[in-house]
C-alpha atoms as a PDB file:
ATOM      1  CA  MET A   1     -47.492 -22.989 -19.121  1.00  0.00           C
ATOM      2  CA  PRO A   2     -49.062 -20.964 -16.270  1.00  0.00           C
ATOM      3  CA  ALA A   3     -49.090 -17.175 -16.494  1.00  0.00           C
ATOM      4  CA  ILE A   4     -50.069 -14.261 -14.240  1.00  0.00           C
ATOM      5  CA  ASN A   5     -53.531 -13.065 -15.198  1.00  0.00           C
ATOM      6  CA  SER A   6     -53.369  -9.711 -13.444  1.00  0.00           C
ATOM      7  CA  LYS A   7     -50.673  -7.762 -11.647  1.00  0.00           C
ATOM      8  CA  ASP A   8     -53.303  -6.825  -9.083  1.00  0.00           C
ATOM      9  CA  THR A   9     -54.824 -10.226  -8.342  1.00  0.00           C
ATOM     10  CA  PHE A  10     -51.844 -12.489  -9.224  1.00  0.00           C
ATOM     11  CA  GLU A  11     -54.197 -15.134 -10.575  1.00  0.00           C
ATOM     12  CA  GLN A  12     -52.671 -17.869 -12.716  1.00  0.00           C
ATOM     13  CA  VAL A  13     -54.186 -18.928 -16.017  1.00  0.00           C
ATOM     14  CA  LYS A  14     -53.371 -21.826 -18.295  1.00  0.00           C
ATOM     15  CA  LEU A  15     -52.129 -20.839 -21.757  1.00  0.00           C
ATOM     16  CA  ASP A  16     -53.161 -22.791 -24.799  1.00  0.00           C
ATOM     17  CA  PRO A  17     -50.463 -24.055 -27.214  1.00  0.00           C
ATOM     18  CA  SER A  18     -50.761 -21.085 -29.573  1.00  0.00           C
ATOM     19  CA  GLN A  19     -50.319 -18.597 -26.725  1.00  0.00           C
ATOM     20  CA  GLU A  20     -47.323 -20.526 -25.417  1.00  0.00           C
ATOM     21  CA  LYS A  21     -45.740 -20.450 -28.877  1.00  0.00           C
ATOM     22  CA  THR A  22     -46.292 -16.703 -29.187  1.00  0.00           C
ATOM     23  CA  ILE A  23     -44.540 -16.069 -25.872  1.00  0.00           C
ATOM     24  CA  LEU A  24     -41.698 -18.483 -26.630  1.00  0.00           C
ATOM     25  CA  ASP A  25     -41.147 -16.867 -30.036  1.00  0.00           C
ATOM     26  CA  LYS A  26     -40.848 -13.458 -28.397  1.00  0.00           C
ATOM     27  CA  VAL A  27     -38.383 -14.737 -25.776  1.00  0.00           C
ATOM     28  CA  GLU A  28     -36.258 -16.518 -28.374  1.00  0.00           C
ATOM     29  CA  GLY A  29     -36.288 -13.387 -30.539  1.00  0.00           C
ATOM     30  CA  LYS A  30     -34.964 -11.293 -27.663  1.00  0.00           C
ATOM     31  CA  VAL A  31     -32.327 -13.904 -26.781  1.00  0.00           C
ATOM     32  CA  SER A  32     -31.111 -14.087 -30.377  1.00  0.00           C
ATOM     33  CA  LYS A  33     -30.263 -10.371 -30.255  1.00  0.00           C
ATOM     34  CA  LEU A  34     -28.057 -10.681 -27.177  1.00  0.00           C
ATOM     35  CA  PRO A  35     -24.294 -10.331 -27.814  1.00  0.00           C
ATOM     36  CA  LYS A  36     -22.439 -13.593 -28.120  1.00  0.00           C
ATOM     37  CA  GLY A  37     -20.085 -14.424 -25.258  1.00  0.00           C
ATOM     38  CA  ASN A  38     -16.529 -15.465 -26.009  1.00  0.00           C
ATOM     39  CA  TYR A  39     -15.127 -18.348 -24.012  1.00  0.00           C
ATOM     40  CA  LYS A  40     -11.464 -17.906 -23.161  1.00  0.00           C
ATOM     41  CA  GLU A  41      -9.442 -20.106 -20.872  1.00  0.00           C
ATOM     42  CA  ILE A  42      -7.104 -18.163 -18.600  1.00  0.00           C
ATOM     43  CA  ARG A  43      -4.260 -19.396 -16.474  1.00  0.00           C
ATOM     44  CA  GLY A  44      -4.009 -18.590 -12.810  1.00  0.00           C
ATOM     45  CA  ILE A  45      -0.873 -18.734 -10.704  1.00  0.00           C
ATOM     46  CA  THR A  46       0.992 -22.025 -11.052  1.00  0.00           C
ATOM     47  CA  SER A  47       1.737 -24.301  -8.109  1.00  0.00           C
ATOM     48  CA  GLU A  48       5.450 -23.556  -8.532  1.00  0.00           C
ATOM     49  CA  GLU A  49       4.831 -19.822  -8.319  1.00  0.00           C
ATOM     50  CA  LEU A  50       2.523 -20.261  -5.357  1.00  0.00           C
ATOM     51  CA  ASN A  51       5.085 -22.357  -3.485  1.00  0.00           C
ATOM     52  CA  GLU A  52       7.732 -19.739  -4.186  1.00  0.00           C
ATOM     53  CA  ILE A  53       5.533 -17.048  -2.672  1.00  0.00           C
ATOM     54  CA  LYS A  54       4.626 -19.209   0.325  1.00  0.00           C
ATOM     55  CA  GLN A  55       8.298 -19.895   1.011  1.00  0.00           C
ATOM     56  CA  LYS A  56       9.038 -16.195   0.814  1.00  0.00           C
ATOM     57  CA  ALA A  57       6.139 -15.449   3.166  1.00  0.00           C
ATOM     58  CA  ALA A  58       7.274 -18.098   5.641  1.00  0.00           C
ATOM     59  CA  GLU A  59      10.718 -16.508   5.819  1.00  0.00           C
ATOM     60  CA  LYS A  60       9.102 -13.223   6.807  1.00  0.00           C
ATOM     61  CA  ALA A  61       6.456 -14.659   9.124  1.00  0.00           C
ATOM     62  CA  SER A  62       8.732 -14.561  12.170  1.00  0.00           C
ATOM     63  CA  LYS A  63       8.702 -10.772  12.005  1.00  0.00           C
ATOM     64  CA  GLU A  64       5.875  -8.383  12.662  1.00  0.00           C
ATOM     65  CA  VAL A  65       5.740  -6.733   9.257  1.00  0.00           C
ATOM     66  CA  VAL A  66       3.513  -3.758   9.966  1.00  0.00           C
ATOM     67  CA  MET A  67       5.934  -0.901  10.312  1.00  0.00           C
ATOM     68  CA  LYS A  68       6.389   0.993  13.556  1.00  0.00           C
ATOM     69  CA  THR A  69       8.109   4.314  13.999  1.00  0.00           C
ATOM     70  CA  THR A  70      10.342   6.120  16.415  1.00  0.00           C
ATOM     71  CA  SER A  71      11.146   9.790  16.343  1.00  0.00           C
ATOM     72  CA  ASP A  72      14.499   9.117  14.662  1.00  0.00           C
ATOM     73  CA  THR A  73      14.130   6.086  12.414  1.00  0.00           C
ATOM     74  CA  PHE A  74      11.601   3.975  10.610  1.00  0.00           C
ATOM     75  CA  ILE A  75      12.079   0.400  11.768  1.00  0.00           C
ATOM     76  CA  ASP A  76      10.658  -3.095  11.652  1.00  0.00           C
ATOM     77  CA  THR A  77       9.572  -4.414  15.044  1.00  0.00           C
ATOM     78  CA  THR A  78       9.624  -8.108  15.937  1.00  0.00           C
ATOM     79  CA  LEU A  79       6.486  -8.801  17.931  1.00  0.00           C
ATOM     80  CA  PRO A  80       5.242 -12.398  17.632  1.00  0.00           C
ATOM     81  CA  THR A  81       1.716 -12.364  16.265  1.00  0.00           C
ATOM     82  CA  ASN A  82       0.302 -14.537  19.029  1.00  0.00           C
ATOM     83  CA  THR A  83       1.299 -11.983  21.666  1.00  0.00           C
ATOM     84  CA  LEU A  84      -0.575  -9.131  20.035  1.00  0.00           C
ATOM     85  CA  SER A  85      -3.798  -7.869  21.516  1.00  0.00           C
ATOM     86  CA  SER A  86      -6.898  -8.560  19.449  1.00  0.00           C
ATOM     87  CA  ASP A  87      -8.000  -4.964  19.952  1.00  0.00           C
ATOM     88  CA  PHE A  88      -4.825  -3.493  18.427  1.00  0.00           C
ATOM     89  CA  PHE A  89      -5.753  -0.699  16.065  1.00  0.00           C
ATOM     90  CA  SER A  90      -4.068   1.737  13.749  1.00  0.00           C
ATOM     91  CA  THR A  91      -2.739   4.997  15.131  1.00  0.00           C
ATOM     92  CA  CYS A  92      -1.628   6.192  11.722  1.00  0.00           C
ATOM     93  CA  PRO A  93      -0.250   8.736  11.334  1.00  0.00           C
ATOM     94  CA  SER A  94       1.883   8.735  14.444  1.00  0.00           C
ATOM     95  CA  SER A  95       3.674  11.894  15.476  1.00  0.00           C
ATOM     96  CA  ALA A  96       6.739  12.448  17.671  1.00  0.00           C
ATOM     97  CA  ASN A  97       8.946  15.516  17.967  1.00  0.00           C
ATOM     98  CA  GLY A  98       7.374  17.100  14.925  1.00  0.00           C
ATOM     99  CA  VAL A  99       7.801  14.027  12.717  1.00  0.00           C
ATOM    100  CA  GLU A 100       4.728  12.353  11.220  1.00  0.00           C
ATOM    101  CA  SER A 101       5.056   8.788   9.975  1.00  0.00           C
ATOM    102  CA  CYS A 102       2.956   5.890   8.760  1.00  0.00           C
ATOM    103  CA  GLY A 103       3.287   2.741   6.698  1.00  0.00           C
ATOM    104  CA  ALA A 104       3.037  -1.002   6.270  1.00  0.00           C
ATOM    105  CA  TYR A 105       5.007  -3.650   4.373  1.00  0.00           C
ATOM    106  CA  ASP A 106       7.843  -1.221   3.535  1.00  0.00           C
ATOM    107  CA  ASN A 107       5.491   1.357   1.998  1.00  0.00           C
ATOM    108  CA  TYR A 108       5.812   4.387   4.254  1.00  0.00           C
ATOM    109  CA  TYR A 109       6.650   8.042   4.804  1.00  0.00           C
ATOM    110  CA  ARG A 110       8.408  10.149   7.400  1.00  0.00           C
ATOM    111  CA  HIS A 111       7.704  13.869   7.289  1.00  0.00           C
ATOM    112  CA  ASN A 112       9.247  16.511   9.508  1.00  0.00           C
ATOM    113  CA  ILE A 113       6.433  19.035   9.584  1.00  0.00           C
ATOM    114  CA  LEU A 114       8.707  21.611  11.233  1.00  0.00           C
ATOM    115  CA  ASN A 115      11.227  21.965   8.396  1.00  0.00           C
ATOM    116  CA  GLY A 116       9.523  20.136   5.500  1.00  0.00           C
ATOM    117  CA  ASP A 117      12.079  17.317   5.159  1.00  0.00           C
ATOM    118  CA  PHE A 118      10.650  13.954   4.159  1.00  0.00           C
ATOM    119  CA  THR A 119      11.468  10.383   3.196  1.00  0.00           C
ATOM    120  CA  VAL A 120       8.922   8.400   1.205  1.00  0.00           C
ATOM    121  CA  GLN A 121       9.218   4.784   0.098  1.00  0.00           C
ATOM    122  CA  VAL A 122       6.903   2.606  -1.979  1.00  0.00           C
ATOM    123  CA  LEU A 123       6.917  -0.506  -4.125  1.00  0.00           C
ATOM    124  CA  GLY A 124       9.247   0.093  -7.072  1.00  0.00           C
ATOM    125  CA  HIS A 125       8.010   1.603 -10.306  1.00  0.00           C
ATOM    126  CA  ALA A 126       9.968  -0.818 -12.524  1.00  0.00           C
ATOM    127  CA  GLY A 127       8.007  -3.885 -11.429  1.00  0.00           C
ATOM    128  CA  GLU A 128      10.909  -5.861 -10.005  1.00  0.00           C
ATOM    129  CA  ASN A 129      10.282  -8.330  -7.222  1.00  0.00           C
ATOM    130  CA  SER A 130      10.487  -6.824  -3.739  1.00  0.00           C
ATOM    131  CA  LYS A 131      12.198  -3.648  -4.934  1.00  0.00           C
ATOM    132  CA  TYR A 132      11.281  -0.285  -3.436  1.00  0.00           C
ATOM    133  CA  THR A 133      12.012   3.294  -4.469  1.00  0.00           C
ATOM    134  CA  VAL A 134      13.000   5.783  -1.769  1.00  0.00           C
ATOM    135  CA  LEU A 135      12.909   9.543  -2.185  1.00  0.00           C
ATOM    136  CA  HIS A 136      14.551  12.041   0.176  1.00  0.00           C
ATOM    137  CA  GLY A 137      13.543  15.665  -0.162  1.00  0.00           C
ATOM    138  CA  SER A 138      12.046  18.784   1.306  1.00  0.00           C
ATOM    139  CA  THR A 139       8.888  20.638   0.429  1.00  0.00           C
ATOM    140  CA  GLY A 140      10.633  23.938   1.104  1.00  0.00           C
ATOM    141  CA  SER A 141       8.373  26.772   0.038  1.00  0.00           C
ATOM    142  CA  SER A 142       6.851  24.846  -2.889  1.00  0.00           C
ATOM    143  CA  THR A 143       3.097  24.495  -2.692  1.00  0.00           C
ATOM    144  CA  ALA A 144       3.153  21.898  -5.478  1.00  0.00           C
ATOM    145  CA  LYS A 145       5.671  19.709  -3.617  1.00  0.00           C
ATOM    146  CA  ALA A 146       3.683  20.017  -0.421  1.00  0.00           C
ATOM    147  CA  GLN A 147       0.486  19.004  -2.228  1.00  0.00           C
ATOM    148  CA  ARG A 148       2.081  15.915  -3.780  1.00  0.00           C
ATOM    149  CA  LEU A 149       3.521  14.877  -0.429  1.00  0.00           C
ATOM    150  CA  SER A 150       0.143  15.422   1.234  1.00  0.00           C
ATOM    151  CA  THR A 151      -1.528  13.224  -1.373  1.00  0.00           C
ATOM    152  CA  PHE A 152       1.040  10.464  -0.845  1.00  0.00           C
ATOM    153  CA  LYS A 153       0.598  10.642   2.917  1.00  0.00           C
ATOM    154  CA  GLN A 154      -3.182  10.351   2.659  1.00  0.00           C
ATOM    155  CA  GLN A 155      -2.857   7.312   0.399  1.00  0.00           C
ATOM    156  CA  ILE A 156      -0.395   5.569   2.717  1.00  0.00           C
ATOM    157  CA  ASN A 157      -2.535   6.442   5.747  1.00  0.00           C
ATOM    158  CA  THR A 158      -5.543   4.796   4.134  1.00  0.00           C
ATOM    159  CA  TYR A 159      -3.517   1.803   2.937  1.00  0.00           C
ATOM    160  CA  GLU A 160      -2.128   1.217   6.434  1.00  0.00           C
ATOM    161  CA  ARG A 161      -5.544   1.466   8.072  1.00  0.00           C
ATOM    162  CA  TYR A 162      -6.974  -1.091   5.654  1.00  0.00           C
ATOM    163  CA  ILE A 163      -4.068  -3.403   6.494  1.00  0.00           C
ATOM    164  CA  VAL A 164      -4.079  -2.985  10.275  1.00  0.00           C
ATOM    165  CA  ASP A 165      -7.704  -2.308  11.138  1.00  0.00           C
ATOM    166  CA  ASP A 166      -9.687  -4.058   8.413  1.00  0.00           C
ATOM    167  CA  LEU A 167      -7.406  -6.893   7.285  1.00  0.00           C
ATOM    168  CA  GLU A 168      -6.160  -7.337  10.865  1.00  0.00           C
ATOM    169  CA  ALA A 169      -2.496  -7.778  10.010  1.00  0.00           C
ATOM    170  CA  ASN A 170      -1.534  -7.751  13.681  1.00  0.00           C
ATOM    171  CA  THR A 171      -3.842 -10.677  14.385  1.00  0.00           C
ATOM    172  CA  PHE A 172      -3.438 -12.825  11.266  1.00  0.00           C
ATOM    173  CA  SER A 173       0.158 -13.425  10.207  1.00  0.00           C
ATOM    174  CA  GLU A 174      -1.092 -15.238   7.102  1.00  0.00           C
ATOM    175  CA  LEU A 175      -1.722 -11.860   5.516  1.00  0.00           C
ATOM    176  CA  VAL A 176       2.013 -11.890   4.823  1.00  0.00           C
ATOM    177  CA  GLY A 177       1.321 -14.277   1.935  1.00  0.00           C
ATOM    178  CA  TRP A 178      -0.970 -11.816   0.205  1.00  0.00           C
ATOM    179  CA  ALA A 179       1.460  -8.920   0.671  1.00  0.00           C
ATOM    180  CA  SER A 180       4.325 -11.090  -0.580  1.00  0.00           C
ATOM    181  CA  ALA A 181       2.375 -11.870  -3.741  1.00  0.00           C
ATOM    182  CA  LEU A 182       1.863  -8.182  -4.495  1.00  0.00           C
ATOM    183  CA  ALA A 183       5.527  -7.376  -3.860  1.00  0.00           C
ATOM    184  CA  SER A 184       6.671 -10.275  -6.057  1.00  0.00           C
ATOM    185  CA  PHE A 185       5.028  -8.876  -9.197  1.00  0.00           C
ATOM    186  CA  ILE A 186       3.990 -12.341 -10.351  1.00  0.00           C
ATOM    187  CA  LEU A 187       1.151 -12.815 -12.804  1.00  0.00           C
ATOM    188  CA  LEU A 188      -1.570 -13.933 -10.393  1.00  0.00           C
ATOM    189  CA  VAL A 189      -4.001 -14.546 -13.241  1.00  0.00           C
ATOM    190  CA  GLN A 190      -3.083 -14.280 -16.896  1.00  0.00           C
ATOM    191  CA  GLY A 191      -4.269 -11.047 -18.470  1.00  0.00           C
ATOM    192  CA  PHE A 192      -4.773  -9.183 -15.181  1.00  0.00           C
ATOM    193  CA  GLY A 193      -1.360  -7.562 -14.697  1.00  0.00           C
ATOM    194  CA  THR A 194       0.990  -7.772 -11.733  1.00  0.00           C
ATOM    195  CA  GLY A 195       1.472  -6.030  -8.415  1.00  0.00           C
ATOM    196  CA  PRO A 196      -1.246  -3.964  -6.733  1.00  0.00           C
ATOM    197  CA  VAL A 197      -2.944  -2.896  -9.969  1.00  0.00           C
ATOM    198  CA  GLY A 198      -3.133  -6.549 -11.026  1.00  0.00           C
ATOM    199  CA  TRP A 199      -4.776  -7.548  -7.758  1.00  0.00           C
ATOM    200  CA  VAL A 200      -7.358  -4.782  -8.116  1.00  0.00           C
ATOM    201  CA  ALA A 201      -8.255  -6.137 -11.562  1.00  0.00           C
ATOM    202  CA  VAL A 202      -8.381  -9.743 -10.326  1.00  0.00           C
ATOM    203  CA  VAL A 203     -10.790  -8.935  -7.487  1.00  0.00           C
ATOM    204  CA  ALA A 204     -12.928  -6.705  -9.671  1.00  0.00           C
ATOM    205  CA  THR A 205     -13.435  -9.017 -12.642  1.00  0.00           C
ATOM    206  CA  TYR A 206     -12.121 -12.543 -12.042  1.00  0.00           C
ATOM    207  CA  ALA A 207     -14.733 -15.087 -10.930  1.00  0.00           C
ATOM    208  CA  ASN A 208     -12.231 -17.145  -8.932  1.00  0.00           C
ATOM    209  CA  ALA A 209     -10.665 -14.189  -7.103  1.00  0.00           C
ATOM    210  CA  LEU A 210     -11.668 -15.552  -3.705  1.00  0.00           C
ATOM    211  CA  ASN A 211      -9.971 -18.877  -4.448  1.00  0.00           C
ATOM    212  CA  THR A 212      -6.819 -16.993  -5.423  1.00  0.00           C
ATOM    213  CA  PHE A 213      -6.963 -15.092  -2.137  1.00  0.00           C
ATOM    214  CA  VAL A 214      -7.377 -18.384  -0.280  1.00  0.00           C
ATOM    215  CA  SER A 215      -4.182 -19.639  -1.947  1.00  0.00           C
ATOM    216  CA  PHE A 216      -2.147 -16.940  -0.211  1.00  0.00           C
ATOM    217  CA  THR A 217      -3.988 -16.918   3.115  1.00  0.00           C
ATOM    218  CA  SER A 218      -6.495 -19.615   4.131  1.00  0.00           C
ATOM    219  CA  ALA A 219     -10.133 -20.519   3.688  1.00  0.00           C
ATOM    220  CA  PHE A 220     -10.754 -19.357   7.271  1.00  0.00           C
ATOM    221  CA  TYR A 221      -9.250 -15.928   6.652  1.00  0.00           C
ATOM    222  CA  ALA A 222     -10.239 -15.269   3.038  1.00  0.00           C
ATOM    223  CA  THR A 223     -13.831 -14.125   3.378  1.00  0.00           C
ATOM    224  CA  ALA A 224     -15.614 -12.180   0.655  1.00  0.00           C
ATOM    225  CA  SER A 225     -15.468  -9.100   2.869  1.00  0.00           C
ATOM    226  CA  ARG A 226     -11.708  -9.319   3.353  1.00  0.00           C
ATOM    227  CA  LEU A 227     -11.275  -9.943  -0.363  1.00  0.00           C
ATOM    228  CA  GLN A 228     -12.956  -6.616  -1.131  1.00  0.00           C
ATOM    229  CA  ILE A 229     -10.921  -4.843   1.547  1.00  0.00           C
ATOM    230  CA  SER A 230      -7.742  -6.303   0.061  1.00  0.00           C
ATOM    231  CA  LYS A 231      -8.783  -4.784  -3.274  1.00  0.00           C
ATOM    232  CA  ASN A 232      -9.246  -1.392  -1.608  1.00  0.00           C
ATOM    233  CA  ALA A 233      -5.860  -1.648   0.084  1.00  0.00           C
ATOM    234  CA  ALA A 234      -4.168  -2.593  -3.183  1.00  0.00           C
ATOM    235  CA  ALA A 235      -5.861   0.326  -4.937  1.00  0.00           C
ATOM    236  CA  GLN A 236      -4.497   2.757  -2.357  1.00  0.00           C
ATOM    237  CA  LEU A 237      -1.030   1.234  -2.716  1.00  0.00           C
ATOM    238  CA  ASN A 238      -1.229   1.574  -6.482  1.00  0.00           C
ATOM    239  CA  ASN A 239      -2.327   5.199  -6.119  1.00  0.00           C
ATOM    240  CA  ALA A 240       0.604   5.842  -3.784  1.00  0.00           C
ATOM    241  CA  THR A 241       2.974   4.296  -6.325  1.00  0.00           C
ATOM    242  CA  THR A 242       1.659   6.645  -9.011  1.00  0.00           C
ATOM    243  CA  THR A 243       1.986   9.693  -6.751  1.00  0.00           C
ATOM    244  CA  HIS A 244       5.492   8.599  -5.755  1.00  0.00           C
ATOM    245  CA  TYR A 245       6.498   8.329  -9.413  1.00  0.00           C
ATOM    246  CA  ASN A 246       5.158  11.835 -10.060  1.00  0.00           C
ATOM    247  CA  MET A 247       7.171  13.145  -7.113  1.00  0.00           C
ATOM    248  CA  PHE A 248      10.288  11.527  -8.567  1.00  0.00           C
ATOM    249  CA  SER A 249       9.738  12.740 -12.135  1.00  0.00           C
ATOM    250  CA  LEU A 250       8.998  16.305 -10.994  1.00  0.00           C
ATOM    251  CA  GLY A 251      12.222  16.550  -8.969  1.00  0.00           C
ATOM    252  CA  ASP A 252      10.832  16.403  -5.435  1.00  0.00           C
ATOM    253  CA  ALA A 253      13.747  14.188  -4.311  1.00  0.00           C
ATOM    254  CA  ASN A 254      16.172  17.087  -4.011  1.00  0.00           C
ATOM    255  CA  TYR A 255      18.149  15.187  -1.349  1.00  0.00           C
ATOM    256  CA  GLY A 256      18.474  12.089  -3.529  1.00  0.00           C
ATOM    257  CA  SER A 257      16.784   8.782  -4.253  1.00  0.00           C
ATOM    258  CA  GLU A 258      17.519   5.076  -3.828  1.00  0.00           C
ATOM    259  CA  TYR A 259      16.341   1.755  -5.214  1.00  0.00           C
ATOM    260  CA  VAL A 260      16.430  -0.793  -2.422  1.00  0.00           C
ATOM    261  CA  ASN A 261      15.428  -4.322  -1.476  1.00  0.00           C
ATOM    262  CA  GLY A 262      12.349  -4.568   0.718  1.00  0.00           C
ATOM    263  CA  PHE A 263       9.478  -6.762   1.812  1.00  0.00           C
END
C-alpha cells in the first residue's frame, strides 16, 4: 500500500504489513460508526398513467398554451409552435388600458391598477385533475389585500418567465406533457406527493428525476439544466397556489369565486 510521505514533497513510501493493518483498522472503525442506510423500493409513474398523460398532452398540443392577454379578456391563442420565432421572450407582466396581466397554463391574473379590481386563477387547492380556482375581487383600500395580490402577481410573473424564457415553451411544444402531469395530480413517484409540490420533491431528492422528466418530454429536451428550471417553476406555482388559498380564506374574493376546468 503506497502512502504520501509528506504533504510538501508528495513522496510515496511503501507501508509494511503492520502499518497497513493499523490504517485499515482505523478506516474500518470509522466506517462502522456511519449510519446504516435503509433500502426501500419506490414505484414511479406506471406506463398506463404515463400514456394517459401523453394522450391528454397530445389533445392540447394543437394549441399554444402560454396565455396571452388583451385589454378586455384573458384568452388562449392558437399559434402553431413551428411558426414561433426562436427569439420569442416573455413580456410579463403586460399592461393595456390600466390592466396588468400575466400567466401560463391557466395560472394567471388580471389586475386593473386603476380601480383595484382583479381576477386570479391557479391550479385548484383540492388536488383534482385539471381543476382551477378563480377569485374575483377588489383590493379597495385594504393594504393587506393589496399585499397578498402583489405577492401572487410576483409569483405568477416568475413562474411565467421560467416557462417562456427558460423552459422555452414557445419553441418546444413537448413541454405540454410536463405541465399536463402537474395539472393531473398523479403520483409521479410514490412518496413524493402530487402536483407542483410533488415535482419539487422529485427533482430535489429522487435519483431518477431526469428520467421521469424525459418520460413527459424527450431525451433531447430534458437536460439537467431544464430539469432544475422545471423545479423552480413548479416551486413558484406551488407558492402561488398557497397565496391564492390565503386570499380565498381571508375573504379577498368579494366579487365571488369559481371552481372551473382548465389545462
